[in-house]
Amino acid sequence: MKLLRTIFVATLLCIVAGTSSYAQYQRKVLFEEFTAMTCPPCASLKPTVEAFAKTDNVITVTYHQNYPAPGDPYNVLDNAVNRTRHDWYGVSGIPTCFINGVRTSNSMAAFQADAAKYLSQQTPILITVTEDRSSTPIKVTVKVKNDGTQDLSGVNLHTQVLNYYSDLTNYPDVVNNQYKRYTTFDYCIMKAMPTKIGRAHV
């Protein structure tokens, strides 16, 4: 592999109330795409996803599937972690995208409009992820700050390791894959912690 960059992200899911009269932090958007290297429509949507992912305060995660044909290197790497959210949402075809857990249409206009509903809001929750890459293994600290106006009972913290970008153009398994539609990959999930569900109560 080359150009391998890893990032760590954490999101709180199932917070019903995103704002309060005392909210003070910029709300972020979780953008999830279900895709595959072997999927022609996914390849067509890929430039749009890449452009939207550059939007401020948008966290992007891509989950790679083993259909319409097998061989996607990120699905081969870990089918289970890529299938967990797919099956939880009940996704039946790809590409399929979600913004903060709600399905969105596959266009830049839809992505922007659906994200804008949240990006205009403030939140009482601040999540900070810090990394110490000088240690082996890398140490990651996730802090959740609540200004006290949001009840976090029953809320789940999802922590994921993402491969920010990789170019596998010359990687043998990709070169030999007759179904390949693209060979560069962005925001691919590598691992969910503490389990593949990524669920930890705060």
Protein backbone atom coordinates (compact mmCIF):
# COMPACT_ATOMS: atom_id res chain seq x y z
CA MET A 1 0.00 0.00 0.00
CA LYS A 2 1.10 3.57 -0.50
CA LEU A 3 -0.15 6.92 0.69
CA LEU A 4 -1.73 5.31 3.73
CA ARG A 5 -3.04 7.84 6.21
CA THR A 6 -5.00 6.90 9.28
CA ILE A 7 -7.32 9.06 11.34
CA PHE A 8 -9.41 8.39 14.40
CA VAL A 9 -12.97 9.64 14.75
CA ALA A 10 -15.59 9.41 17.45
CA THR A 11 -19.27 10.22 17.22
CA LEU A 12 -22.16 10.13 19.64
CA LEU A 13 -25.22 8.48 18.19
CA CYS A 14 -28.83 8.52 19.34
CA ILE A 15 -28.76 12.06 20.72
CA VAL A 16 -32.30 13.15 20.00
CA ALA A 17 -31.95 16.79 20.95
CA GLY A 18 -29.14 18.41 19.00
CA THR A 19 -29.56 21.88 20.41
CA SER A 20 -30.44 23.62 23.61
CA SER A 21 -30.72 27.18 24.82
CA TYR A 22 -27.21 26.82 26.27
CA ALA A 23 -25.59 24.98 23.34
CA GLN A 24 -22.17 26.38 22.55
CA TYR A 25 -20.34 24.05 20.16
CA GLN A 26 -20.63 23.69 16.39
CA ARG A 27 -22.62 20.60 15.51
CA LYS A 28 -20.95 18.13 13.16
CA VAL A 29 -22.44 15.90 10.48
CA LEU A 30 -21.78 12.18 10.17
CA PHE A 31 -21.84 11.23 6.49
CA GLU A 32 -21.83 7.49 5.79
CA GLU A 33 -21.45 5.95 2.35
CA PHE A 34 -21.93 2.29 1.47
CA THR A 35 -19.86 1.54 -1.60
CA ALA A 36 -17.59 -0.97 -3.37
CA MET A 37 -14.70 -0.82 -5.78
CA THR A 38 -16.58 -3.31 -7.97
CA CYS A 39 -19.70 -1.13 -8.29
CA PRO A 40 -19.97 1.07 -11.43
CA PRO A 41 -22.58 3.48 -9.95
CA CYS A 42 -20.36 3.84 -6.86
CA ALA A 43 -17.45 4.87 -9.07
CA SER A 44 -19.66 7.48 -10.72
CA LEU A 45 -20.69 8.90 -7.33
CA LYS A 46 -17.17 8.83 -5.89
CA PRO A 47 -16.10 12.33 -7.09
CA THR A 48 -19.23 13.83 -5.53
CA VAL A 49 -18.58 12.06 -2.21
CA GLU A 50 -14.95 13.20 -2.25
CA ALA A 51 -15.97 16.81 -2.87
CA PHE A 52 -18.68 16.78 -0.19
CA ALA A 53 -16.28 15.22 2.34
CA LYS A 54 -14.24 18.44 2.23
CA THR A 55 -17.14 20.37 3.77
CA ASP A 56 -16.25 21.88 7.13
CA ASN A 57 -17.56 19.92 10.13
CA VAL A 58 -18.48 16.85 8.06
CA ILE A 59 -17.11 13.48 9.21
CA THR A 60 -17.10 10.94 6.38
CA VAL A 61 -16.98 7.15 6.73
CA THR A 62 -17.10 4.70 3.81
CA TYR A 63 -18.09 1.07 4.27
CA HIS A 64 -16.95 -1.28 1.48
CA GLN A 65 -19.16 -4.19 0.47
CA ASN A 66 -18.55 -7.49 -1.34
CA TYR A 67 -21.13 -6.91 -4.07
CA PRO A 68 -22.02 -6.55 -6.95
CA ALA A 69 -18.80 -8.56 -7.29
CA PRO A 70 -16.22 -9.61 -4.68
CA GLY A 71 -12.70 -8.24 -4.48
CA ASP A 72 -12.92 -4.81 -2.89
CA PRO A 73 -9.67 -4.72 -0.86
CA TYR A 74 -11.22 -3.00 2.14
CA ASN A 75 -14.06 -5.47 2.29
CA VAL A 76 -11.60 -8.35 1.98
CA LEU A 77 -9.58 -6.79 4.80
CA ASP A 78 -12.57 -6.94 7.19
CA ASN A 79 -15.96 -7.95 5.86
CA ALA A 80 -17.58 -7.92 9.30
CA VAL A 81 -16.79 -4.31 10.21
CA ASN A 82 -17.98 -3.17 6.77
CA ARG A 83 -21.23 -5.13 7.01
CA THR A 84 -22.27 -4.11 10.52
CA ARG A 85 -23.71 -0.67 9.75
CA HIS A 86 -24.89 -1.90 6.32
CA ASP A 87 -27.05 -4.55 7.96
CA TRP A 88 -28.11 -2.27 10.82
CA TYR A 89 -29.53 0.24 8.33
CA GLY A 90 -30.96 -2.53 6.15
CA VAL A 91 -29.12 -1.30 3.05
CA SER A 92 -30.23 -3.28 -0.01
CA GLY A 93 -28.14 -1.68 -2.76
CA ILE A 94 -25.14 0.55 -3.27
CA PRO A 95 -24.19 3.34 -3.41
CA THR A 96 -26.35 4.37 -0.48
CA CYS A 97 -25.62 7.35 1.77
CA PHE A 98 -26.81 8.54 5.17
CA ILE A 99 -26.47 11.88 6.96
CA ASN A 100 -26.72 11.66 10.74
CA GLY A 101 -28.46 8.31 10.36
CA VAL A 102 -31.05 9.46 7.81
CA ARG A 103 -30.89 8.26 4.23
CA THR A 104 -30.11 10.93 1.66
CA SER A 105 -30.27 11.02 -2.13
CA ASN A 106 -27.10 10.47 -4.14
CA SER A 107 -26.36 14.00 -5.32
CA MET A 108 -24.33 16.96 -4.14
CA ALA A 109 -27.47 19.08 -3.86
CA ALA A 110 -29.10 16.52 -1.55
CA PHE A 111 -25.95 16.09 0.54
CA GLN A 112 -25.60 19.83 1.02
CA ALA A 113 -29.27 20.43 1.79
CA ASP A 114 -29.51 17.58 4.30
CA ALA A 115 -26.24 18.53 5.99
CA ALA A 116 -27.27 22.19 6.23
CA LYS A 117 -30.10 21.23 8.60
CA TYR A 118 -27.50 20.20 11.16
CA LEU A 119 -24.61 22.53 10.35
CA SER A 120 -26.77 25.50 11.24
CA GLN A 121 -27.16 24.13 14.77
CA GLN A 122 -25.08 24.30 17.91
CA THR A 123 -24.71 21.40 20.34
CA PRO A 124 -23.94 21.12 24.05
CA ILE A 125 -21.59 18.19 23.35
CA LEU A 126 -17.93 18.51 22.40
CA ILE A 127 -15.90 15.44 21.39
CA THR A 128 -12.13 15.77 21.21
CA VAL A 129 -9.84 13.08 19.78
CA THR A 130 -6.10 13.34 20.43
CA GLU A 131 -3.40 10.99 19.20
CA ASP A 132 0.09 10.11 20.40
CA ARG A 133 1.80 8.61 17.36
CA SER A 134 5.17 8.45 19.12
CA SER A 135 4.03 5.44 21.15
CA THR A 136 3.69 1.86 19.96
CA PRO A 137 0.87 1.12 19.57
CA ILE A 138 -0.51 4.58 18.88
CA LYS A 139 -2.38 5.97 21.88
CA VAL A 140 -5.70 7.69 21.27
CA THR A 141 -7.70 9.63 23.84
CA VAL A 142 -11.37 10.48 23.34
CA LYS A 143 -12.92 13.12 25.59
CA VAL A 144 -16.63 13.89 25.69
CA LYS A 145 -17.54 17.24 27.23
CA ASN A 146 -21.14 17.97 28.13
CA ASP A 147 -22.18 21.46 29.18
CA GLY A 148 -24.82 19.85 31.40
CA THR A 149 -27.87 20.65 29.31
CA GLN A 150 -28.00 17.29 27.48
CA ASP A 151 -28.92 14.00 29.15
CA LEU A 152 -26.48 11.38 27.83
CA SER A 153 -28.25 8.40 29.41
CA GLY A 154 -28.30 5.51 26.96
CA VAL A 155 -26.22 7.36 24.36
CA ASN A 156 -23.58 5.33 22.54
CA LEU A 157 -20.06 6.45 21.68
CA HIS A 158 -18.87 5.07 18.34
CA THR A 159 -15.11 5.17 17.85
CA GLN A 160 -13.59 4.22 14.51
CA VAL A 161 -10.20 4.02 12.89
CA LEU A 162 -10.36 5.27 9.30
CA ASN A 163 -7.91 5.03 6.44
CA TYR A 164 -8.03 8.65 5.31
CA TYR A 165 -6.62 7.95 1.84
CA SER A 166 -4.80 5.22 -0.04
CA ASP A 167 -3.77 4.66 -3.65
CA LEU A 168 -3.79 0.95 -4.46
CA THR A 169 -3.34 1.34 -8.22
CA ASN A 170 -0.31 -0.96 -8.21
CA TYR A 171 -1.41 -3.30 -5.43
CA PRO A 172 -1.43 -6.85 -6.92
CA ASP A 173 -4.82 -7.93 -5.63
CA VAL A 174 -6.38 -4.78 -7.09
CA VAL A 175 -4.51 -4.93 -10.40
CA ASN A 176 -5.70 -8.50 -10.93
CA ASN A 177 -9.30 -7.76 -10.00
CA GLN A 178 -11.24 -7.76 -13.26
CA TYR A 179 -14.18 -6.00 -11.59
CA LYS A 180 -12.31 -2.95 -10.36
CA ARG A 181 -13.93 0.42 -11.06
CA TYR A 182 -11.57 2.62 -9.04
CA THR A 183 -8.28 2.15 -7.19
CA THR A 184 -8.02 5.10 -4.80
CA PHE A 185 -9.89 4.95 -1.52
CA ASP A 186 -11.02 7.60 0.96
CA TYR A 187 -12.28 7.48 4.56
CA CYS A 188 -12.46 3.67 4.68
CA ILE A 189 -13.32 2.12 8.01
CA MET A 190 -10.51 -0.07 9.31
CA LYS A 191 -11.72 -0.88 12.79
CA ALA A 192 -14.57 -0.02 15.14
CA MET A 193 -13.92 0.03 18.87
CA PRO A 194 -14.43 -1.47 21.35
CA THR A 195 -16.23 -3.99 19.10
CA LYS A 196 -17.30 -4.09 15.46
CA ILE A 197 -20.52 -2.42 16.61
CA GLY A 198 -18.33 0.31 18.09
CA ARG A 199 -20.66 0.77 20.99
CA ALA A 200 -19.58 2.12 24.34
CA HIS A 201 -21.88 3.88 26.80
CA VAL A 202 -20.74 7.31 27.96
